[in-house]
Amino acid sequence: MRVLGLDPGTARTGYGAVEYCRGRLRLLAYGLITTAADMEMPARLLTINRDLLQLIEEIQPDAVAVEQLYYHKNSKTVITVAQSRGVVLLTSAQAGVHVAEYTPLQVKQAVVGYGGADKKQVQYMVQKLLALEEPPQPDDAADALAAAICHLHFYRLSPIYKA
């Protein structure tokens, strides 16, 4: 099973693709979809849509995993993240890919085993689970990989899973 994890943001949308095959997790790709700060919001959202469609075509995921929106103190940040998150959900659905959503707590518990884990702990466990030489950078890509791993853990534990 291939999962594309996404960490939506307007300036930087992190992505991470992981495959579960024969009892092992395997890294396929990770990085960022970026937009310039001087772009108008509709153009930024269109860029995220276009680049995500290209990623989906290249990776051919069975599912997309996205963290549910976490409320920040800055309401302007919440609105822009919600806009990019909407584009991620819509683009994935239009591409015919199953979308799974997880809370930040679920992602941290699945990857680290502790819902209160910090970003460094998540990066460290993603590094270990994917047998990487270094922790994945930047944080947005590491968070996307964690969402993908989370979905694979939940999927493997579901009663309908068939290896």
Protein backbone atom coordinates (compact mmCIF):
# COMPACT_ATOMS: atom_id res chain seq x y z
CA MET A 1 0.00 0.00 0.00
CA ARG A 2 1.24 3.48 -0.91
CA VAL A 3 0.28 6.50 1.16
CA LEU A 4 0.94 10.14 0.41
CA GLY A 5 1.04 12.15 3.63
CA LEU A 6 0.38 15.88 3.38
CA ASP A 7 1.00 18.75 5.79
CA PRO A 8 -0.95 21.65 4.25
CA GLY A 9 0.29 25.21 4.32
CA THR A 10 0.01 28.17 2.01
CA ALA A 11 3.73 28.94 1.74
CA ARG A 12 4.89 25.35 2.24
CA THR A 13 2.87 22.16 1.90
CA GLY A 14 4.92 19.21 3.07
CA TYR A 15 4.55 15.87 1.37
CA GLY A 16 5.86 12.41 2.13
CA ALA A 17 5.16 9.15 0.36
CA VAL A 18 5.62 5.82 2.13
CA GLU A 19 4.93 2.29 0.98
CA TYR A 20 4.16 -0.70 3.19
CA CYS A 21 5.19 -3.93 1.54
CA ARG A 22 6.13 -7.32 2.97
CA GLY A 23 6.09 -6.09 6.54
CA ARG A 24 8.34 -3.08 5.92
CA LEU A 25 7.94 0.64 5.52
CA ARG A 26 9.77 2.11 2.53
CA LEU A 27 10.33 5.77 1.76
CA LEU A 28 9.26 6.75 -1.75
CA ALA A 29 9.68 10.54 -1.71
CA TYR A 30 9.38 13.63 0.44
CA GLY A 31 9.70 17.38 0.07
CA LEU A 32 7.73 20.59 -0.26
CA ILE A 33 5.26 22.25 -2.54
CA THR A 34 6.13 25.94 -2.18
CA THR A 35 4.51 29.20 -3.19
CA ALA A 36 5.99 32.69 -3.21
CA ALA A 37 4.86 35.15 -0.56
CA ASP A 38 4.19 37.82 -3.19
CA MET A 39 1.67 35.65 -5.04
CA GLU A 40 -2.02 36.37 -4.59
CA MET A 41 -3.92 33.72 -2.64
CA PRO A 42 -5.84 32.28 -5.62
CA ALA A 43 -2.55 31.77 -7.50
CA ARG A 44 -0.97 30.13 -4.46
CA LEU A 45 -3.87 27.72 -4.09
CA LEU A 46 -3.78 26.94 -7.81
CA THR A 47 -0.05 26.16 -7.53
CA ILE A 48 -0.72 23.76 -4.65
CA ASN A 49 -3.48 22.11 -6.70
CA ARG A 50 -1.33 21.75 -9.82
CA ASP A 51 1.77 20.47 -8.00
CA LEU A 52 -0.26 18.05 -5.88
CA LEU A 53 -1.98 16.62 -8.96
CA GLN A 54 1.46 16.03 -10.48
CA LEU A 55 2.64 14.30 -7.27
CA ILE A 56 -0.42 12.07 -7.21
CA GLU A 57 0.18 11.10 -10.85
CA GLU A 58 3.85 10.29 -10.15
CA ILE A 59 3.40 8.43 -6.85
CA GLN A 60 0.05 6.72 -7.55
CA PRO A 61 -0.94 6.52 -3.86
CA ASP A 62 -3.69 4.26 -2.60
CA ALA A 63 -4.55 6.87 0.01
CA VAL A 64 -3.75 10.39 1.12
CA ALA A 65 -3.28 11.08 4.84
CA VAL A 66 -3.81 14.59 6.18
CA GLU A 67 -3.66 15.96 9.71
CA GLN A 68 -6.85 17.60 10.88
CA LEU A 69 -6.61 21.34 11.43
CA TYR A 70 -5.07 22.27 14.74
CA TYR A 71 -6.24 25.61 16.11
CA HIS A 72 -3.45 28.14 16.38
CA LYS A 73 -3.56 31.36 18.39
CA ASN A 74 -3.16 33.33 15.17
CA SER A 75 -6.54 33.28 13.41
CA LYS A 76 -5.01 34.52 10.14
CA THR A 77 -2.75 31.45 10.08
CA VAL A 78 -5.72 29.15 10.70
CA ILE A 79 -7.60 30.65 7.76
CA THR A 80 -4.72 30.30 5.29
CA VAL A 81 -3.92 26.76 6.45
CA ALA A 82 -7.62 25.89 6.14
CA GLN A 83 -7.63 27.21 2.58
CA SER A 84 -4.64 25.10 1.56
CA ARG A 85 -6.08 22.12 3.42
CA GLY A 86 -9.29 22.50 1.44
CA VAL A 87 -7.31 22.45 -1.81
CA VAL A 88 -5.46 19.31 -0.64
CA LEU A 89 -8.73 17.52 0.21
CA LEU A 90 -10.45 18.59 -3.01
CA THR A 91 -7.48 17.75 -5.24
CA SER A 92 -7.10 14.31 -3.67
CA ALA A 93 -10.81 13.57 -3.97
CA GLN A 94 -10.91 14.74 -7.59
CA ALA A 95 -7.96 12.45 -8.35
CA GLY A 96 -10.00 9.55 -6.97
CA VAL A 97 -7.67 8.91 -4.04
CA HIS A 98 -9.10 7.89 -0.65
CA VAL A 99 -8.50 10.63 1.94
CA ALA A 100 -7.88 9.78 5.61
CA GLU A 101 -7.74 12.46 8.29
CA TYR A 102 -6.03 12.16 11.67
CA THR A 103 -5.70 14.41 14.67
CA PRO A 104 -2.21 15.58 15.64
CA LEU A 105 -2.57 13.37 18.74
CA GLN A 106 -3.29 10.28 16.62
CA VAL A 107 -0.28 10.95 14.38
CA LYS A 108 2.08 11.40 17.33
CA GLN A 109 0.75 8.31 19.09
CA ALA A 110 1.11 6.19 15.94
CA VAL A 111 4.65 7.34 15.22
CA VAL A 112 6.15 8.03 18.65
CA GLY A 113 3.79 6.21 20.99
CA TYR A 114 3.11 9.41 22.93
CA GLY A 115 0.53 12.04 21.98
CA GLY A 116 2.49 14.85 23.62
CA ALA A 117 5.64 14.26 21.56
CA ASP A 118 7.46 17.29 20.20
CA LYS A 119 8.61 17.84 16.60
CA LYS A 120 12.13 16.55 17.27
CA GLN A 121 10.76 13.27 18.68
CA VAL A 122 8.50 12.84 15.66
CA GLN A 123 11.41 13.50 13.28
CA TYR A 124 13.61 11.04 15.15
CA MET A 125 11.02 8.25 15.02
CA VAL A 126 10.27 8.90 11.34
CA GLN A 127 14.01 8.61 10.72
CA LYS A 128 14.17 5.29 12.59
CA LEU A 129 10.99 3.82 11.10
CA LEU A 130 12.13 4.61 7.55
CA ALA A 131 15.80 3.71 8.19
CA LEU A 132 17.03 7.15 7.13
CA GLU A 133 20.57 8.31 7.82
CA GLU A 134 19.32 11.68 9.12
CA PRO A 135 16.02 13.06 10.36
CA PRO A 136 13.87 14.26 7.47
CA GLN A 137 13.94 17.99 6.89
CA PRO A 138 12.14 20.38 6.86
CA ASP A 139 9.51 19.94 9.57
CA ASP A 140 6.64 20.13 7.06
CA ALA A 141 7.96 17.13 5.14
CA ALA A 142 8.65 15.20 8.36
CA ASP A 143 5.08 15.87 9.52
CA ALA A 144 3.76 14.66 6.17
CA LEU A 145 5.79 11.45 6.46
CA ALA A 146 4.44 10.99 9.99
CA ALA A 147 0.86 11.32 8.69
CA ALA A 148 1.56 8.67 6.03
CA ILE A 149 3.07 6.31 8.62
CA CYS A 150 0.09 6.95 10.91
CA HIS A 151 -2.32 5.90 8.18
CA LEU A 152 -0.35 2.75 7.47
CA HIS A 153 -0.45 1.83 11.17
CA PHE A 154 -4.21 2.40 11.38
CA TYR A 155 -4.80 0.60 8.10
CA ARG A 156 -2.75 -2.43 9.15
CA LEU A 157 -4.70 -2.62 12.41
CA SER A 158 -8.11 -2.46 10.75
CA PRO A 159 -10.09 -5.70 10.50
CA ILE A 160 -10.31 -5.39 6.69
CA TYR A 161 -6.54 -5.34 6.19
CA LYS A 162 -5.18 -8.07 3.94
CA ALA A 163 -1.41 -8.25 3.46
